[in-house]
Protein backbone atom coordinates (compact mmCIF):
# COMPACT_ATOMS: atom_id res chain seq x y z
CA MET A 1 9.40 -58.93 12.39
CA ALA A 2 11.90 -60.36 9.93
CA GLY A 3 9.71 -59.21 7.05
CA ARG A 4 9.56 -55.67 8.43
CA LYS A 5 13.35 -55.49 8.83
CA GLY A 6 13.77 -56.36 5.17
CA ARG A 7 11.75 -53.39 3.90
CA SER A 8 13.60 -50.83 1.83
CA GLY A 9 13.91 -47.13 2.64
CA SER A 10 11.49 -46.14 -0.13
CA GLN A 11 8.88 -48.56 1.22
CA ARG A 12 9.23 -47.09 4.71
CA LEU A 13 8.87 -43.59 3.29
CA GLY A 14 5.76 -44.72 1.45
CA ASP A 15 4.34 -46.12 4.68
CA LEU A 16 5.06 -42.83 6.43
CA VAL A 17 3.33 -40.80 3.71
CA GLU A 18 0.35 -43.16 3.76
CA GLY A 19 0.13 -42.90 7.54
CA VAL A 20 0.17 -39.08 7.46
CA ASN A 21 -2.45 -39.07 4.69
CA ASP A 22 -4.74 -41.42 6.66
CA ARG A 23 -4.71 -38.97 9.56
CA LEU A 24 -4.65 -35.59 7.80
CA GLY A 25 -5.96 -36.22 4.30
CA SER A 26 -2.92 -34.46 2.87
CA THR A 27 -2.96 -36.26 -0.48
CA THR A 28 -6.47 -35.08 -1.22
CA PHE A 29 -5.60 -31.53 -0.19
CA LEU A 30 -2.48 -31.46 -2.39
CA ASP A 31 -4.25 -33.05 -5.32
CA VAL A 32 -6.87 -30.30 -5.28
CA ASN A 33 -4.64 -27.32 -4.54
CA ILE A 34 -1.50 -28.16 -6.46
CA LYS A 35 -3.45 -27.54 -9.68
CA LYS A 36 -4.69 -24.11 -8.61
CA ALA A 37 -4.22 -21.48 -11.32
CA PHE A 38 -2.21 -18.30 -10.77
CA PRO A 39 -2.25 -15.47 -13.35
CA LYS A 40 1.00 -14.72 -15.17
CA HIS A 41 0.67 -10.92 -15.43
CA TRP A 42 3.58 -9.01 -13.87
CA SER A 43 1.34 -6.77 -11.76
CA PHE A 44 0.41 -9.71 -9.53
CA LEU A 45 4.03 -9.92 -8.39
CA LEU A 46 3.76 -6.63 -6.46
CA GLY A 47 2.14 -8.36 -3.51
CA GLU A 48 4.85 -11.01 -3.59
CA ILE A 49 7.53 -8.33 -3.23
CA ALA A 50 5.85 -7.23 0.01
CA LEU A 51 5.65 -10.84 1.25
CA TYR A 52 9.29 -11.63 0.44
CA SER A 53 10.48 -8.35 1.98
CA PHE A 54 8.56 -9.23 5.15
CA ILE A 55 10.26 -12.65 5.29
CA ILE A 56 13.67 -11.00 4.87
CA LEU A 57 12.76 -8.53 7.62
CA ILE A 58 12.06 -11.42 9.98
CA ILE A 59 15.30 -13.24 9.09
CA THR A 60 17.53 -10.17 9.47
CA GLY A 61 15.59 -9.02 12.52
CA VAL A 62 16.35 -12.28 14.33
CA PHE A 63 20.06 -11.70 13.67
CA LEU A 64 19.93 -8.11 14.94
CA THR A 65 18.00 -9.14 18.05
CA LEU A 66 20.91 -11.36 19.14
CA PHE A 67 23.23 -8.34 19.49
CA PHE A 68 21.01 -5.33 20.22
CA LYS A 69 20.56 -4.39 23.88
CA PRO A 70 17.19 -2.68 24.46
CA SER A 71 18.23 -0.68 27.48
CA GLY A 72 18.09 3.00 28.25
CA SER A 73 20.77 2.82 30.92
CA GLU A 74 23.45 5.45 30.51
CA LEU A 75 27.11 4.57 29.94
CA VAL A 76 30.27 6.10 28.55
CA TYR A 77 31.13 4.74 25.12
CA ASP A 78 34.48 2.98 24.81
CA GLY A 79 34.03 1.07 21.55
CA SER A 80 35.89 0.98 18.27
CA TYR A 81 34.26 4.08 16.73
CA ALA A 82 36.82 6.73 17.73
CA PRO A 83 34.79 9.95 17.12
CA LEU A 84 32.30 9.00 19.86
CA LYS A 85 34.74 7.62 22.46
CA GLY A 86 34.09 9.11 25.88
CA VAL A 87 30.58 10.30 24.93
CA GLN A 88 27.74 9.46 27.31
CA MET A 89 24.95 7.53 25.62
CA SER A 90 22.30 4.89 26.18
CA GLU A 91 23.19 1.22 26.11
CA ALA A 92 20.83 0.82 23.13
CA TYR A 93 22.84 3.29 21.05
CA SER A 94 26.14 1.80 22.21
CA SER A 95 25.03 -1.72 21.20
CA THR A 96 23.96 -0.36 17.81
CA LEU A 97 27.46 1.01 17.30
CA ASP A 98 28.98 -2.30 18.40
CA LEU A 99 26.67 -4.16 16.03
CA THR A 100 27.72 -1.83 13.22
CA PHE A 101 31.50 -1.85 13.70
CA ASP A 102 32.41 -4.93 15.76
CA VAL A 103 30.00 -7.69 14.73
CA ARG A 104 31.00 -9.40 11.49
CA GLY A 105 28.30 -8.67 8.92
CA GLY A 106 26.44 -6.48 11.38
CA LEU A 107 26.38 -3.34 9.23
CA LEU A 108 25.28 -5.33 6.18
CA MET A 109 22.44 -6.93 8.15
CA ARG A 110 21.37 -3.58 9.56
CA GLN A 111 21.25 -2.08 6.09
CA ILE A 112 19.42 -5.06 4.56
CA HIS A 113 16.88 -4.80 7.38
CA HIS A 114 16.36 -1.07 6.83
CA TRP A 115 16.14 -1.34 3.05
CA ALA A 116 13.73 -4.27 3.37
CA ALA A 117 11.50 -2.14 5.62
CA ASN A 118 11.37 0.64 3.03
CA VAL A 119 10.72 -1.79 0.18
CA PHE A 120 8.10 -3.65 2.25
CA LEU A 121 6.04 -0.51 2.75
CA ALA A 122 6.57 0.69 -0.82
CA ALA A 123 5.42 -2.69 -2.15
CA ILE A 124 2.29 -2.57 0.02
CA VAL A 125 1.46 0.91 -1.29
CA VAL A 126 1.94 -0.05 -4.95
CA HIS A 127 0.05 -3.32 -4.40
CA LEU A 128 -2.89 -1.44 -2.84
CA MET A 129 -2.84 1.00 -5.75
CA ARG A 130 -2.96 -1.87 -8.26
CA ILE A 131 -5.90 -3.38 -6.42
CA PHE A 132 -7.71 -0.04 -6.22
CA PHE A 133 -7.30 1.09 -9.82
CA THR A 134 -8.34 -2.32 -11.21
CA GLY A 135 -11.29 -2.82 -8.85
CA ALA A 136 -9.82 -6.03 -7.40
CA TYR A 137 -11.35 -5.17 -3.99
CA ARG A 138 -14.90 -5.75 -5.23
CA LYS A 139 -17.09 -8.57 -4.00
CA PRO A 140 -16.01 -11.07 -2.66
CA ARG A 141 -12.65 -9.48 -1.74
CA GLU A 142 -13.69 -6.57 0.49
CA ILE A 143 -12.42 -8.27 3.67
CA ASN A 144 -9.00 -8.86 2.13
CA TRP A 145 -8.87 -5.17 1.21
CA VAL A 146 -9.55 -4.20 4.83
CA ILE A 147 -6.84 -6.65 5.96
CA GLY A 148 -4.40 -5.11 3.48
CA VAL A 149 -5.08 -1.55 4.67
CA THR A 150 -4.72 -2.71 8.29
CA MET A 151 -1.37 -4.32 7.46
CA PHE A 152 -0.21 -1.06 5.89
CA VAL A 153 -1.08 0.94 9.03
CA LEU A 154 0.64 -1.64 11.24
CA ALA A 155 3.67 -1.65 8.95
CA LEU A 156 3.89 2.13 9.35
CA ALA A 157 3.90 1.74 13.14
CA GLU A 158 6.38 -1.14 12.95
CA GLY A 159 8.74 0.82 10.71
CA PHE A 160 8.62 3.85 12.99
CA ALA A 161 9.27 1.67 16.06
CA GLY A 162 12.32 0.03 14.49
CA TYR A 163 13.57 3.37 13.22
CA SER A 164 13.37 4.75 16.79
CA LEU A 165 15.10 1.89 18.66
CA PRO A 166 18.79 2.92 18.15
CA ASP A 167 18.18 6.03 20.28
CA ASP A 168 20.25 8.26 18.00
CA LEU A 169 19.68 11.98 17.56
CA LEU A 170 17.50 11.64 14.43
CA SER A 171 15.21 8.93 15.81
CA GLY A 172 14.96 10.75 19.14
CA THR A 173 13.73 13.83 17.29
CA GLY A 174 11.03 11.68 15.73
CA LEU A 175 10.03 10.38 19.15
CA ARG A 176 9.82 13.93 20.45
CA ILE A 177 7.38 14.72 17.62
CA ALA A 178 5.42 11.55 18.48
CA GLN A 179 5.17 12.71 22.07
CA GLY A 180 3.87 16.08 20.95
CA ILE A 181 1.20 14.29 18.88
CA MET A 182 0.16 12.29 21.93
CA LEU A 183 -0.03 15.44 24.07
CA SER A 184 -2.32 17.10 21.50
CA ILE A 185 -5.11 14.61 22.19
CA PRO A 186 -7.66 16.45 24.33
CA VAL A 187 -8.14 15.39 27.98
CA VAL A 188 -6.22 12.10 27.83
CA GLY A 189 -3.11 13.23 25.91
CA THR A 190 -0.94 13.70 29.00
CA TYR A 191 -1.88 10.29 30.36
CA VAL A 192 -1.23 8.61 26.99
CA SER A 193 2.25 10.17 26.89
CA LEU A 194 3.07 9.14 30.45
CA TRP A 195 1.84 5.59 29.82
CA ALA A 196 3.76 5.22 26.55
CA PHE A 197 7.08 6.68 27.72
CA GLY A 198 6.94 5.52 31.31
CA GLY A 199 7.23 9.06 32.60
CA GLU A 200 8.37 12.42 31.30
CA PHE A 201 10.06 12.31 27.90
CA PRO A 202 12.66 11.02 27.10
CA ALA A 203 12.42 8.49 29.99
CA SER A 204 14.35 6.04 27.80
CA GLU A 205 15.16 3.60 30.60
CA ASP A 206 11.55 2.39 30.57
CA PHE A 207 10.59 3.33 27.05
CA ILE A 208 13.20 1.51 24.94
CA PRO A 209 12.42 -1.95 26.40
CA ARG A 210 8.71 -1.31 25.82
CA LEU A 211 9.30 -0.19 22.27
CA PHE A 212 11.54 -3.20 21.66
CA THR A 213 8.79 -5.57 22.80
CA VAL A 214 6.28 -3.87 20.52
CA HIS A 215 8.71 -3.99 17.60
CA ILE A 216 9.85 -7.61 17.80
CA LEU A 217 6.79 -9.29 19.31
CA LEU A 218 3.45 -7.48 19.33
CA ILE A 219 3.21 -5.91 15.86
CA PRO A 220 5.09 -8.70 14.03
CA GLY A 221 2.77 -11.26 15.63
CA ILE A 222 -0.29 -9.37 14.43
CA LEU A 223 1.25 -8.92 10.98
CA ILE A 224 2.03 -12.63 10.67
CA ALA A 225 -1.57 -13.45 11.65
CA LEU A 226 -2.94 -10.96 9.10
CA VAL A 227 -0.61 -12.17 6.34
CA THR A 228 -1.74 -15.75 7.03
CA ALA A 229 -5.41 -14.74 6.94
CA HIS A 230 -4.81 -12.71 3.77
CA LEU A 231 -3.19 -15.65 1.97
CA MET A 232 -5.84 -18.12 3.17
CA ILE A 233 -8.66 -15.91 1.89
CA LEU A 234 -6.78 -15.32 -1.36
CA TRP A 235 -6.28 -19.06 -1.79
CA HIS A 236 -9.95 -19.75 -1.15
CA GLN A 237 -11.30 -16.98 -3.39
CA THR A 238 -8.67 -17.44 -6.14
CA HIS A 239 -6.83 -14.62 -7.91
CA THR A 240 -8.45 -12.02 -10.10
CA THR A 241 -7.43 -11.90 -13.76
CA TRP A 242 -7.18 -9.30 -16.49
CA PRO A 243 -9.86 -9.21 -19.21
CA GLY A 244 -9.01 -11.06 -22.38
CA ARG A 245 -10.23 -13.55 -24.95
CA GLY A 246 -12.10 -16.44 -23.38
CA ARG A 247 -11.95 -14.99 -19.86
CA ARG A 248 -15.14 -14.67 -17.85
CA GLU A 249 -16.12 -13.42 -14.40
CA MET A 250 -16.53 -16.88 -12.89
CA SER A 251 -13.32 -18.46 -14.21
CA VAL A 252 -9.62 -17.84 -13.58
CA SER A 253 -6.86 -18.93 -15.94
CA GLY A 254 -3.13 -19.13 -15.37
CA GLU A 255 -0.27 -21.46 -14.46
CA LYS A 256 -0.50 -24.34 -12.00
CA THR A 257 0.83 -23.90 -8.49
CA PHE A 258 3.37 -26.66 -9.02
CA PRO A 259 5.80 -26.70 -10.65
CA HIS A 260 5.48 -23.40 -12.55
CA PHE A 261 4.31 -20.94 -9.92
CA ALA A 262 6.35 -22.54 -7.09
CA THR A 263 9.53 -22.41 -9.17
CA GLN A 264 8.94 -18.81 -10.24
CA SER A 265 8.16 -17.74 -6.66
CA THR A 266 11.37 -19.32 -5.34
CA ALA A 267 13.42 -17.56 -8.00
CA TYR A 268 11.61 -14.29 -7.35
CA PHE A 269 12.30 -14.52 -3.60
CA LEU A 270 16.01 -15.04 -4.28
CA PHE A 271 15.96 -12.13 -6.73
CA THR A 272 14.29 -9.87 -4.12
CA PHE A 273 16.87 -10.89 -1.52
CA GLY A 274 19.68 -10.23 -3.99
CA VAL A 275 18.38 -6.75 -4.83
CA LEU A 276 18.05 -5.85 -1.14
CA ALA A 277 21.55 -7.17 -0.42
CA ALA A 278 22.92 -5.11 -3.33
CA LEU A 279 21.15 -1.98 -2.06
CA ALA A 280 22.57 -2.59 1.43
CA ALA A 281 26.09 -3.15 0.11
CA LEU A 282 26.18 -0.20 -2.28
CA PHE A 283 23.89 2.49 -0.80
CA GLN A 284 24.27 3.71 2.76
CA ILE A 285 21.08 4.19 4.75
CA ASN A 286 20.49 5.47 8.29
CA PRO A 287 24.14 6.03 9.35
CA VAL A 288 23.33 6.46 13.06
CA TRP A 289 27.01 6.85 14.00
CA LEU A 290 27.04 10.20 12.20
CA TYR A 291 24.06 11.55 14.15
CA GLY A 292 25.32 10.85 17.67
CA PRO A 293 23.22 9.89 20.71
CA PHE A 294 19.91 11.58 21.37
CA ALA A 295 19.93 14.65 23.57
CA PRO A 296 16.71 16.63 24.19
CA ASP A 297 18.48 19.96 23.70
CA GLN A 298 20.02 19.10 20.33
CA ILE A 299 18.70 18.68 16.80
CA SER A 300 20.35 18.38 13.41
CA SER A 301 19.33 20.66 10.55
CA GLY A 302 17.61 19.13 7.56
CA SER A 303 16.25 16.19 9.54
CA GLN A 304 14.06 13.94 7.43
CA PRO A 305 12.17 10.79 8.49
CA ASP A 306 11.81 7.66 6.39
CA TRP A 307 9.55 8.24 3.41
CA TYR A 308 6.52 6.38 4.76
CA VAL A 309 5.94 8.87 7.59
CA GLY A 310 6.91 11.87 5.47
CA PHE A 311 3.26 12.74 4.80
CA LEU A 312 2.70 13.24 8.55
CA GLU A 313 5.74 15.50 8.72
CA GLY A 314 4.38 17.49 5.78
CA SER A 315 0.90 17.85 7.25
CA LEU A 316 2.41 19.20 10.48
CA ARG A 317 4.59 21.69 8.62
CA ILE A 318 1.86 23.29 6.52
CA MET A 319 -0.81 23.49 9.22
CA PRO A 320 -1.29 27.12 10.37
CA PRO A 321 -0.84 27.85 14.10
CA LEU A 322 -4.22 27.37 15.70
CA ALA A 323 -5.17 26.60 19.29
CA THR A 324 -8.17 27.18 21.53
CA THR A 325 -8.70 27.00 25.28
CA VAL A 326 -11.83 25.25 26.54
CA ALA A 327 -12.58 24.86 30.26
CA GLY A 328 -8.98 25.65 31.11
CA ARG A 329 -7.58 23.06 28.65
CA THR A 330 -5.69 24.04 25.51
CA ILE A 331 -6.49 22.19 22.30
CA ALA A 332 -3.58 22.43 19.86
CA TRP A 333 -5.44 22.13 16.56
CA ASN A 334 -2.22 22.67 14.61
CA VAL A 335 -1.04 19.24 15.88
CA LEU A 336 -4.28 17.39 16.54
CA VAL A 337 -5.78 17.95 13.08
CA PRO A 338 -2.79 17.10 10.84
CA ALA A 339 -1.27 14.31 12.93
CA VAL A 340 -4.27 12.59 14.57
CA LEU A 341 -7.54 13.41 12.82
CA LEU A 342 -6.25 13.66 9.25
CA PRO A 343 -4.45 10.27 9.06
CA GLY A 344 -7.27 8.63 11.01
CA ILE A 345 -9.88 9.87 8.53
CA PHE A 346 -7.62 9.09 5.55
CA PHE A 347 -7.01 5.44 6.47
CA THR A 348 -10.63 4.94 7.53
CA LEU A 349 -11.87 6.20 4.16
CA ILE A 350 -9.44 3.89 2.37
CA GLY A 351 -10.65 0.93 4.42
CA VAL A 352 -14.37 1.49 3.86
CA TYR A 353 -14.10 2.55 0.22
CA PRO A 354 -15.16 -0.82 -1.30
CA PHE A 355 -18.36 -0.77 0.73
CA ALA A 356 -19.08 2.87 -0.16
CA GLU A 357 -18.59 2.18 -3.86
CA ARG A 358 -20.78 -0.91 -3.75
CA TRP A 359 -23.51 1.12 -2.02
CA ALA A 360 -23.28 3.87 -4.64
CA VAL A 361 -23.03 1.61 -7.69
CA GLY A 362 -25.39 -1.12 -6.50
CA ASP A 363 -23.15 -3.87 -7.88
CA GLU A 364 -23.71 -7.04 -5.85
CA ARG A 365 -22.15 -9.45 -8.37
CA ILE A 366 -19.10 -11.65 -7.83
CA HIS A 367 -16.05 -10.33 -9.69
CA HIS A 368 -12.96 -12.25 -10.76
CA LEU A 369 -12.34 -10.13 -13.86
CA LEU A 370 -10.45 -6.88 -13.31
CA ASP A 371 -11.45 -3.47 -14.63
CA ARG A 372 -9.22 -1.57 -16.97
CA PRO A 373 -8.67 1.75 -15.14
CA ARG A 374 -9.90 3.67 -18.21
CA ASN A 375 -13.26 1.90 -17.99
CA ALA A 376 -13.82 3.22 -14.46
CA PRO A 377 -12.91 6.92 -14.88
CA THR A 378 -14.45 8.16 -11.63
CA ARG A 379 -12.68 5.55 -9.53
CA THR A 380 -9.42 6.24 -11.36
CA GLY A 381 -9.89 9.95 -10.77
CA ILE A 382 -10.49 9.40 -7.06
CA GLY A 383 -7.35 7.28 -6.85
CA ALA A 384 -5.31 9.89 -8.71
CA ALA A 385 -6.64 12.58 -6.34
CA ALA A 386 -5.58 10.53 -3.30
CA VAL A 387 -2.10 9.97 -4.77
CA ALA A 388 -1.71 13.70 -5.56
CA TRP A 389 -2.84 14.62 -2.04
CA TYR A 390 -0.37 12.17 -0.49
CA VAL A 391 2.54 13.24 -2.69
CA ASN A 392 1.86 16.91 -1.91
CA LEU A 393 2.12 16.19 1.83
CA LEU A 394 5.19 14.02 1.30
CA ALA A 395 6.93 16.84 -0.56
CA ALA A 396 5.80 19.33 2.10
CA GLY A 397 7.72 17.28 4.66
CA GLY A 398 10.90 18.44 2.93
CA ASN A 399 9.94 22.06 2.34
CA ASP A 400 13.07 23.30 4.10
CA ILE A 401 15.29 21.11 1.90
CA ILE A 402 13.45 22.37 -1.19
CA ALA A 403 13.84 25.99 -0.07
CA VAL A 404 17.59 25.61 0.50
CA THR A 405 18.20 23.58 -2.67
CA PHE A 406 16.38 25.99 -4.99
CA ASP A 407 17.18 29.13 -2.99
CA ILE A 408 13.58 30.23 -2.47
CA PRO A 409 11.94 31.55 0.72
CA LEU A 410 10.69 28.89 3.10
CA PHE A 411 7.30 30.60 3.43
CA TRP A 412 6.78 30.35 -0.31
CA THR A 413 7.16 26.60 -0.20
CA THR A 414 4.86 26.39 2.83
CA TRP A 415 2.10 28.33 1.10
CA PHE A 416 2.63 26.42 -2.13
CA PHE A 417 1.94 23.13 -0.34
CA ARG A 418 -0.96 24.63 1.59
CA VAL A 419 -2.63 25.55 -1.68
CA GLY A 420 -1.65 22.19 -3.14
CA PHE A 421 -3.39 20.42 -0.25
CA PHE A 422 -6.73 21.53 -1.73
CA VAL A 423 -5.93 22.14 -5.40
CA ALA A 424 -3.72 19.14 -6.28
CA PRO A 425 -6.41 16.47 -5.66
CA ILE A 426 -9.00 18.38 -7.71
CA VAL A 427 -6.64 18.89 -10.64
CA ALA A 428 -5.52 15.26 -10.52
CA PHE A 429 -9.12 14.01 -10.44
CA VAL A 430 -10.16 16.11 -13.44
CA ILE A 431 -7.09 15.24 -15.52
CA ALA A 432 -7.26 11.50 -14.74
CA ARG A 433 -10.99 11.28 -15.43
CA ARG A 434 -10.72 13.15 -18.71
CA ALA A 435 -7.76 11.01 -19.76
CA CYS A 436 -9.78 7.86 -19.09
CA LEU A 437 -12.71 9.14 -21.15
CA SER A 438 -10.34 10.05 -23.96
CA LEU A 439 -8.88 6.54 -23.90
CA GLN A 440 -12.43 5.13 -24.02
CA ARG A 441 -13.16 7.15 -27.16
CA ARG A 442 -9.90 5.89 -28.65
CA ASP A 443 -10.89 2.27 -27.93
CA LEU A 444 -14.33 2.82 -29.43
CA ARG A 445 -12.82 4.36 -32.55
CA MET A 446 -10.42 1.44 -32.86
CA ARG A 447 -13.31 -1.00 -32.67
CA GLU A 448 -15.28 0.82 -35.33
CA GLU A 449 -12.45 1.76 -37.70
CA GLY A 450 -9.84 -0.89 -36.95
CA VAL A 451 -6.14 -0.41 -36.25
CA GLU A 452 -3.68 1.42 -38.47
CA SER A 453 -1.91 -0.95 -40.85
CA GLY A 454 0.69 1.46 -42.21
CA LEU A 455 -0.51 0.76 -45.77
CA ILE A 456 -1.64 3.56 -48.09
CA SER A 457 -4.03 2.75 -50.92
CA LEU A 458 -5.17 4.76 -53.94
CA SER A 459 -8.93 5.22 -54.13
CA PRO A 460 -10.87 5.17 -57.45
CA GLY A 461 -11.32 8.92 -57.14
CA GLY A 462 -7.57 9.48 -57.15
CA GLY A 463 -7.19 10.11 -53.42
CA TYR A 464 -4.98 8.36 -50.90
CA GLU A 465 -6.23 6.79 -47.72
CA GLU A 466 -4.75 4.63 -44.99
CA ARG A 467 -5.97 1.09 -44.78
CA HIS A 468 -7.29 -0.08 -41.40
CA GLU A 469 -7.37 -3.69 -40.31
CA ARG A 470 -9.48 -5.52 -37.79
CA PRO A 471 -7.79 -5.78 -34.37
CA SER A 472 -6.43 -9.15 -33.36
CA ALA A 473 -8.80 -11.44 -31.49
CA ASP A 474 -6.99 -10.90 -28.19
CA ARG A 475 -6.94 -7.12 -28.63
CA GLU A 476 -10.58 -6.97 -29.63
CA ALA A 477 -11.61 -9.01 -26.60
CA VAL A 478 -9.98 -6.40 -24.37
CA LEU A 479 -11.59 -3.53 -26.30
CA ARG A 480 -15.03 -5.10 -25.93
CA THR A 481 -14.80 -5.20 -22.13
CA ARG A 482 -17.36 -2.79 -20.74
CA GLN A 483 -19.33 -2.14 -17.57
CA PRO A 484 -22.96 -3.16 -18.11
CA GLY A 485 -25.35 -0.29 -18.65
CA GLU A 486 -28.04 -1.66 -16.33
CA LEU A 487 -26.01 -0.49 -13.31
CA VAL A 488 -26.80 3.15 -14.13
CA ALA A 489 -29.73 4.06 -11.87
CA PRO A 490 -32.55 6.28 -13.21
CA TYR A 491 -33.42 9.43 -11.33
CA PRO A 492 -36.33 8.83 -8.92
CA ASN A 493 -39.67 10.25 -10.05
CA HIS A 494 -41.71 11.11 -6.96
CA LEU A 495 -45.25 12.37 -7.51
CA ILE A 496 -45.07 14.44 -4.36
CA PRO A 497 -41.41 15.31 -3.71
CA LEU A 498 -41.60 15.52 0.08
CA PRO A 499 -38.17 15.68 1.78
CA THR A 500 -38.56 12.45 3.75
CA PRO A 501 -35.38 10.64 4.97
CA ASP A 502 -35.93 7.70 2.58
CA ARG A 503 -36.40 9.95 -0.44
CA ALA A 504 -33.38 12.07 0.48
CA ARG A 505 -31.29 8.91 0.83
CA THR A 506 -32.53 7.68 -2.55
CA GLN A 507 -31.66 10.99 -4.20
CA ILE A 508 -28.14 10.94 -2.71
CA ARG A 509 -27.56 7.34 -3.75
CA THR A 510 -28.85 7.95 -7.28
CA ARG A 511 -26.58 10.94 -7.79
CA ALA A 512 -23.61 9.01 -6.41
CA ASN A 513 -24.45 6.18 -8.80
CA ARG A 514 -24.56 8.42 -11.85
CA PHE A 515 -21.42 10.24 -10.72
CA TYR A 516 -19.65 6.88 -10.83
CA LEU A 517 -21.20 5.34 -13.91
CA ASP A 518 -22.93 7.76 -16.26
CA TYR A 519 -20.39 9.07 -18.74
CA GLN A 520 -22.66 9.18 -21.79
CA SER A 521 -22.94 12.96 -21.70
CA GLU A 522 -19.14 13.16 -21.83
CA SER A 523 -18.06 10.15 -23.86
CA TYR A 524 -20.08 8.28 -26.45
CA GLY A 525 -19.89 4.56 -25.72
CA GLY A 526 -18.47 5.10 -22.24
CA GLY A 527 -17.15 2.53 -19.82
CA GLN A 528 -20.62 1.28 -18.93
CA GLY A 529 -21.57 0.63 -22.56
CA ASP A 530 -23.65 2.47 -25.15
CA LEU A 531 -26.88 3.21 -23.29
CA GLU A 532 -28.61 4.68 -26.34
CA ARG A 533 -28.15 1.61 -28.50
CA ASP A 534 -28.34 -0.77 -25.52
CA SER A 535 -26.30 -3.23 -27.53
CA ALA A 536 -25.47 -6.56 -26.06
CA GLU A 537 -22.06 -6.24 -27.65
CA ASP A 538 -21.03 -3.25 -25.55
CA GLY A 539 -22.43 -4.72 -22.37
CA GLU A 540 -20.39 -7.87 -22.70
CA GLY A 541 -17.68 -8.99 -20.32
CA GLY A 542 -18.40 -6.65 -17.41
């Protein structure tokens, strides 16, 4: 015992570490994972912005939870905000006013929380776009793509729930629209509305506590579980990396987790928090005290939701009035289609896209090397079409603001966005695809002719010509990256072309394959390589 009492603090700490390692194997785990490589390219930080914004949302949300009262009970306001004194309102709205004006730092925390929610969703969108346009969702990362899309849908619901909790006039208008969407569901719509709101709308006495539970417990719990699963899968599969000299499909290069990546991540988290705090301090957002409490018979002009649900607002505004009555039940197609069916189909297509592309292309290989968007013109065109479609609906959600601002008839803006619903994606697809093919031709010309040196030389014949130089090794490695030509499927050659299900399926799959991969008729030396020469050089690095 005397010997044990004489042990120093460092020796005791060493014994503790050794004891934990004997039971958990932590030293082995750290030794393997602390050397894991993370790419240095800036685009990989987009996902980190979403993660850090989510952490800040949790921290500020805990603070707000301590002061917010999720109750729909009516009271007469007698707080410090003079313009609303004597006004009847819900306890939820009253506590929001108290949190804003009477709790030290309350307004700042509210604004940080709201800005973080907007940045969180924006970062998810940009991160998903980066993954899509570079093909980072390909095997073996399809599951992580589905998790990411699911997180985006849940984040939309979470943002709308938090936006609706203060029970102000603007958020109450949004809830009224949500109730109308529920009622549009055939047969069960009425029951869904009664179950969600606890009775006839607004029924806030029962609804606000339910919404509060969903906002602080149910959806955040699912999001935390999905974020954990996302990071675990990412850690196991490793990051993707951009093409470059010495980089191959089955290897990933970058900086070690510790100390480089850990130090950079800590600094980046603090930077994200600082930016959000600056936004909250300098730019007002969601001033609920100006809107007043929700009343079913009131609405403010120019009402606009947060940007992430703006596309739903736009789809509702441009949908023509259409309803049918079947067996004594009215189906409001002008609400059901744009607010239920359309987003459901849209997010489903996004979620299953990696599997659809793999089926069409027939690419079953493991990929750690990203595609340059120009080398996958069809995919880039599809992504551009989706972005144009989404932006058109987002702008349509503010068609009244646009009409007032530019002094044009409201019906003109409505018809403009109706036409844009169909035309904008087609135009965006064609332009993006042609731009990618043009960039491919530029890369091919650069490989064959070299890069401009800026030097003019005199030829023996007395003429002047610009001297071209060979691209740098790093640049040339990127230019040589191509999709392998063997992925382009030949058209099936049936002796007796009977329309059997298997043959029809083969024809559809072949045409989908060539739609994705065969650019030779449009661009010599396209993204899948030079099929005519079948050169190993152009098929390298896929």
